[in-house]
Amino acid sequence: MTDIMTLHVRYAVKKLMDNEFEDEIVDEVLGGARNDIEKMFEEYPSRTRKRERLRKSIQKLKESKEVVGKIIDKINRIPLNE
């Protein structure tokens, strides 16, 4: 009789775990992982400032390139006294 009750309790607990708690456990485990992954993609304010400074520096370099190109074109147009 004890063996039958033990088997019945084991079966009931297994059924409970399989049906009731499995979804909750998966949601808890994966939900925590999803939150960690989302945190990895968040950008820190310091990185945002650095990115903005780099963007401005790149823009200045492009403008400087255009100015230097115009100066070189003007120098190339000056006739050389031969």
N, C-alpha and C. Protein backbone atom coordinates (compact mmCIF):
# COMPACT_ATOMS: atom_id res chain seq x y z
N MET A 1 0.82 -1.19 0.00
CA MET A 1 0.00 0.00 0.00
C MET A 1 0.86 1.26 0.00
N THR A 2 1.98 1.21 0.74
CA THR A 2 2.87 2.37 0.81
C THR A 2 3.49 2.63 -0.56
N ASP A 3 3.86 1.58 -1.25
CA ASP A 3 4.46 1.73 -2.58
C ASP A 3 3.47 2.38 -3.56
N ILE A 4 2.21 1.99 -3.47
CA ILE A 4 1.21 2.55 -4.37
C ILE A 4 1.03 4.05 -4.08
N MET A 5 0.98 4.43 -2.81
CA MET A 5 0.83 5.84 -2.43
C MET A 5 2.06 6.65 -2.88
N THR A 6 3.24 6.07 -2.71
CA THR A 6 4.47 6.74 -3.12
C THR A 6 4.47 6.96 -4.63
N LEU A 7 4.11 5.95 -5.38
CA LEU A 7 4.06 6.09 -6.83
C LEU A 7 3.00 7.11 -7.25
N HIS A 8 1.89 7.12 -6.56
CA HIS A 8 0.84 8.08 -6.87
C HIS A 8 1.30 9.52 -6.61
N VAL A 9 1.98 9.72 -5.48
CA VAL A 9 2.50 11.06 -5.16
C VAL A 9 3.55 11.47 -6.18
N ARG A 10 4.47 10.55 -6.54
CA ARG A 10 5.49 10.86 -7.56
C ARG A 10 4.83 11.24 -8.88
N TYR A 11 3.81 10.47 -9.27
CA TYR A 11 3.11 10.76 -10.52
C TYR A 11 2.42 12.13 -10.45
N ALA A 12 1.78 12.43 -9.34
CA ALA A 12 1.08 13.71 -9.19
C ALA A 12 2.07 14.87 -9.23
N VAL A 13 3.21 14.73 -8.58
CA VAL A 13 4.23 15.80 -8.57
C VAL A 13 4.81 15.97 -9.97
N LYS A 14 5.10 14.88 -10.65
CA LYS A 14 5.64 14.97 -12.01
C LYS A 14 4.65 15.65 -12.94
N LYS A 15 3.37 15.26 -12.84
CA LYS A 15 2.34 15.86 -13.67
C LYS A 15 2.21 17.35 -13.37
N LEU A 16 2.27 17.71 -12.10
CA LEU A 16 2.20 19.11 -11.70
C LEU A 16 3.38 19.89 -12.28
N MET A 17 4.58 19.32 -12.19
CA MET A 17 5.78 19.99 -12.73
C MET A 17 5.68 20.13 -14.24
N ASP A 18 5.27 19.06 -14.91
CA ASP A 18 5.20 19.10 -16.37
C ASP A 18 4.14 20.08 -16.87
N ASN A 19 2.99 20.08 -16.25
CA ASN A 19 1.87 20.87 -16.76
C ASN A 19 1.82 22.29 -16.20
N GLU A 20 2.06 22.44 -14.93
CA GLU A 20 1.82 23.72 -14.27
C GLU A 20 3.06 24.61 -14.22
N PHE A 21 4.17 24.03 -13.80
CA PHE A 21 5.34 24.85 -13.51
C PHE A 21 6.29 25.00 -14.69
N GLU A 22 6.20 24.14 -15.66
CA GLU A 22 7.15 24.18 -16.77
C GLU A 22 7.12 25.53 -17.49
N ASP A 23 5.94 26.02 -17.80
CA ASP A 23 5.84 27.31 -18.48
C ASP A 23 6.37 28.44 -17.62
N GLU A 24 6.06 28.40 -16.34
CA GLU A 24 6.54 29.44 -15.44
C GLU A 24 8.05 29.42 -15.30
N ILE A 25 8.62 28.23 -15.21
CA ILE A 25 10.07 28.11 -15.08
C ILE A 25 10.75 28.61 -16.36
N VAL A 26 10.24 28.21 -17.50
CA VAL A 26 10.82 28.66 -18.77
C VAL A 26 10.72 30.17 -18.89
N ASP A 27 9.56 30.75 -18.56
CA ASP A 27 9.40 32.21 -18.62
C ASP A 27 10.37 32.91 -17.69
N GLU A 28 10.56 32.35 -16.52
CA GLU A 28 11.47 32.97 -15.55
C GLU A 28 12.90 32.92 -16.03
N VAL A 29 13.31 31.75 -16.52
CA VAL A 29 14.69 31.60 -16.99
C VAL A 29 14.94 32.46 -18.22
N LEU A 30 14.08 32.33 -19.23
CA LEU A 30 14.28 33.09 -20.46
C LEU A 30 13.96 34.56 -20.27
N GLY A 31 13.02 34.87 -19.40
CA GLY A 31 12.70 36.27 -19.15
C GLY A 31 13.89 37.00 -18.56
N GLY A 32 14.59 36.37 -17.65
CA GLY A 32 15.79 36.96 -17.08
C GLY A 32 16.88 37.13 -18.13
N ALA A 33 17.01 36.14 -19.01
CA ALA A 33 18.01 36.24 -20.07
C ALA A 33 17.64 37.35 -21.04
N ARG A 34 16.35 37.49 -21.35
CA ARG A 34 15.94 38.56 -22.26
C ARG A 34 16.27 39.92 -21.67
N ASN A 35 16.04 40.09 -20.38
CA ASN A 35 16.35 41.36 -19.74
C ASN A 35 17.84 41.66 -19.80
N ASP A 36 18.67 40.63 -19.58
CA ASP A 36 20.11 40.82 -19.65
C ASP A 36 20.55 41.20 -21.05
N ILE A 37 19.98 40.56 -22.06
CA ILE A 37 20.33 40.87 -23.44
C ILE A 37 19.91 42.29 -23.78
N GLU A 38 18.72 42.69 -23.35
CA GLU A 38 18.27 44.06 -23.61
C GLU A 38 19.20 45.06 -22.93
N LYS A 39 19.66 44.74 -21.74
CA LYS A 39 20.59 45.64 -21.04
C LYS A 39 21.91 45.77 -21.80
N MET A 40 22.33 44.66 -22.44
CA MET A 40 23.58 44.71 -23.20
C MET A 40 23.49 45.69 -24.36
N PHE A 41 22.30 45.86 -24.93
CA PHE A 41 22.14 46.74 -26.09
C PHE A 41 21.86 48.18 -25.70
N GLU A 42 21.64 48.45 -24.42
CA GLU A 42 21.45 49.83 -23.98
C GLU A 42 22.79 50.56 -24.05
N GLU A 43 22.73 51.81 -24.46
CA GLU A 43 23.96 52.57 -24.59
C GLU A 43 24.11 53.50 -23.39
N TYR A 44 25.30 53.50 -22.82
CA TYR A 44 25.57 54.35 -21.68
C TYR A 44 25.67 55.81 -22.14
N PRO A 45 25.32 56.76 -21.28
CA PRO A 45 25.41 58.18 -21.66
C PRO A 45 26.82 58.59 -22.07
N SER A 46 27.83 58.03 -21.41
CA SER A 46 29.21 58.38 -21.78
C SER A 46 29.51 57.94 -23.21
N ARG A 47 29.02 56.77 -23.60
CA ARG A 47 29.24 56.32 -24.99
C ARG A 47 28.47 57.19 -25.97
N THR A 48 27.30 57.64 -25.57
CA THR A 48 26.51 58.52 -26.44
C THR A 48 27.27 59.82 -26.68
N ARG A 49 27.85 60.38 -25.61
CA ARG A 49 28.63 61.62 -25.76
C ARG A 49 29.86 61.40 -26.65
N LYS A 50 30.55 60.28 -26.45
CA LYS A 50 31.73 59.97 -27.28
C LYS A 50 31.32 59.81 -28.74
N ARG A 51 30.21 59.13 -28.96
CA ARG A 51 29.74 58.93 -30.34
C ARG A 51 29.41 60.27 -30.99
N GLU A 52 28.80 61.17 -30.24
CA GLU A 52 28.47 62.50 -30.77
C GLU A 52 29.74 63.30 -31.07
N ARG A 53 30.72 63.22 -30.18
CA ARG A 53 31.99 63.92 -30.44
C ARG A 53 32.67 63.36 -31.69
N LEU A 54 32.66 62.05 -31.83
CA LEU A 54 33.27 61.44 -33.03
C LEU A 54 32.54 61.87 -34.29
N ARG A 55 31.21 61.91 -34.22
CA ARG A 55 30.43 62.34 -35.38
C ARG A 55 30.79 63.77 -35.77
N LYS A 56 30.92 64.65 -34.78
CA LYS A 56 31.29 66.03 -35.06
C LYS A 56 32.71 66.12 -35.62
N SER A 57 33.62 65.32 -35.09
CA SER A 57 35.00 65.33 -35.60
C SER A 57 35.05 64.86 -37.04
N ILE A 58 34.29 63.83 -37.36
CA ILE A 58 34.25 63.33 -38.74
C ILE A 58 33.69 64.40 -39.66
N GLN A 59 32.65 65.11 -39.22
CA GLN A 59 32.07 66.18 -40.03
C GLN A 59 33.10 67.28 -40.27
N LYS A 60 33.86 67.66 -39.24
CA LYS A 60 34.90 68.69 -39.40
C LYS A 60 35.97 68.22 -40.37
N LEU A 61 36.36 66.95 -40.27
CA LEU A 61 37.37 66.43 -41.19
C LEU A 61 36.89 66.46 -42.63
N LYS A 62 35.63 66.14 -42.86
CA LYS A 62 35.08 66.19 -44.22
C LYS A 62 35.08 67.62 -44.74
N GLU A 63 34.69 68.57 -43.88
CA GLU A 63 34.70 69.98 -44.29
C GLU A 63 36.12 70.44 -44.58
N SER A 64 37.06 70.03 -43.74
CA SER A 64 38.47 70.40 -43.95
C SER A 64 39.00 69.83 -45.25
N LYS A 65 38.59 68.62 -45.57
CA LYS A 65 39.02 67.99 -46.82
C LYS A 65 38.55 68.81 -48.01
N GLU A 66 37.31 69.28 -47.97
CA GLU A 66 36.79 70.10 -49.05
C GLU A 66 37.55 71.42 -49.17
N VAL A 67 37.84 72.05 -48.03
CA VAL A 67 38.56 73.33 -48.05
C VAL A 67 39.97 73.14 -48.60
N VAL A 68 40.65 72.09 -48.13
CA VAL A 68 42.01 71.83 -48.62
C VAL A 68 41.98 71.52 -50.11
N GLY A 69 40.97 70.78 -50.57
CA GLY A 69 40.85 70.48 -52.00
C GLY A 69 40.68 71.74 -52.82
N LYS A 70 39.89 72.70 -52.34
CA LYS A 70 39.70 73.96 -53.05
C LYS A 70 40.99 74.76 -53.10
N ILE A 71 41.73 74.77 -51.99
CA ILE A 71 43.01 75.50 -51.96
C ILE A 71 43.99 74.87 -52.94
N ILE A 72 44.06 73.55 -52.98
CA ILE A 72 44.98 72.88 -53.91
C ILE A 72 44.57 73.18 -55.35
N ASP A 73 43.26 73.21 -55.64
CA ASP A 73 42.80 73.55 -56.99
C ASP A 73 43.24 74.96 -57.37
N LYS A 74 43.13 75.91 -56.44
CA LYS A 74 43.56 77.28 -56.72
C LYS A 74 45.06 77.35 -56.95
N ILE A 75 45.82 76.59 -56.16
CA ILE A 75 47.27 76.59 -56.34
C ILE A 75 47.63 75.99 -57.69
N ASN A 76 46.93 74.96 -58.10
CA ASN A 76 47.22 74.31 -59.38
C ASN A 76 46.86 75.21 -60.57
N ARG A 77 45.95 76.15 -60.40
CA ARG A 77 45.57 77.04 -61.48
C ARG A 77 46.55 78.19 -61.68
N ILE A 78 47.39 78.44 -60.68
CA ILE A 78 48.35 79.54 -60.79
C ILE A 78 49.39 79.13 -61.84
N PRO A 79 49.56 79.98 -62.88
CA PRO A 79 50.55 79.63 -63.91
C PRO A 79 51.97 79.77 -63.35
N LEU A 80 52.81 78.87 -63.74
CA LEU A 80 54.20 78.90 -63.32
C LEU A 80 54.98 79.75 -64.30
N ASN A 81 55.84 80.60 -63.78
CA ASN A 81 56.71 81.43 -64.64
C ASN A 81 57.87 80.57 -65.11
N GLU A 82 57.86 80.33 -66.37
CA GLU A 82 58.92 79.49 -66.89
C GLU A 82 59.95 80.28 -67.61
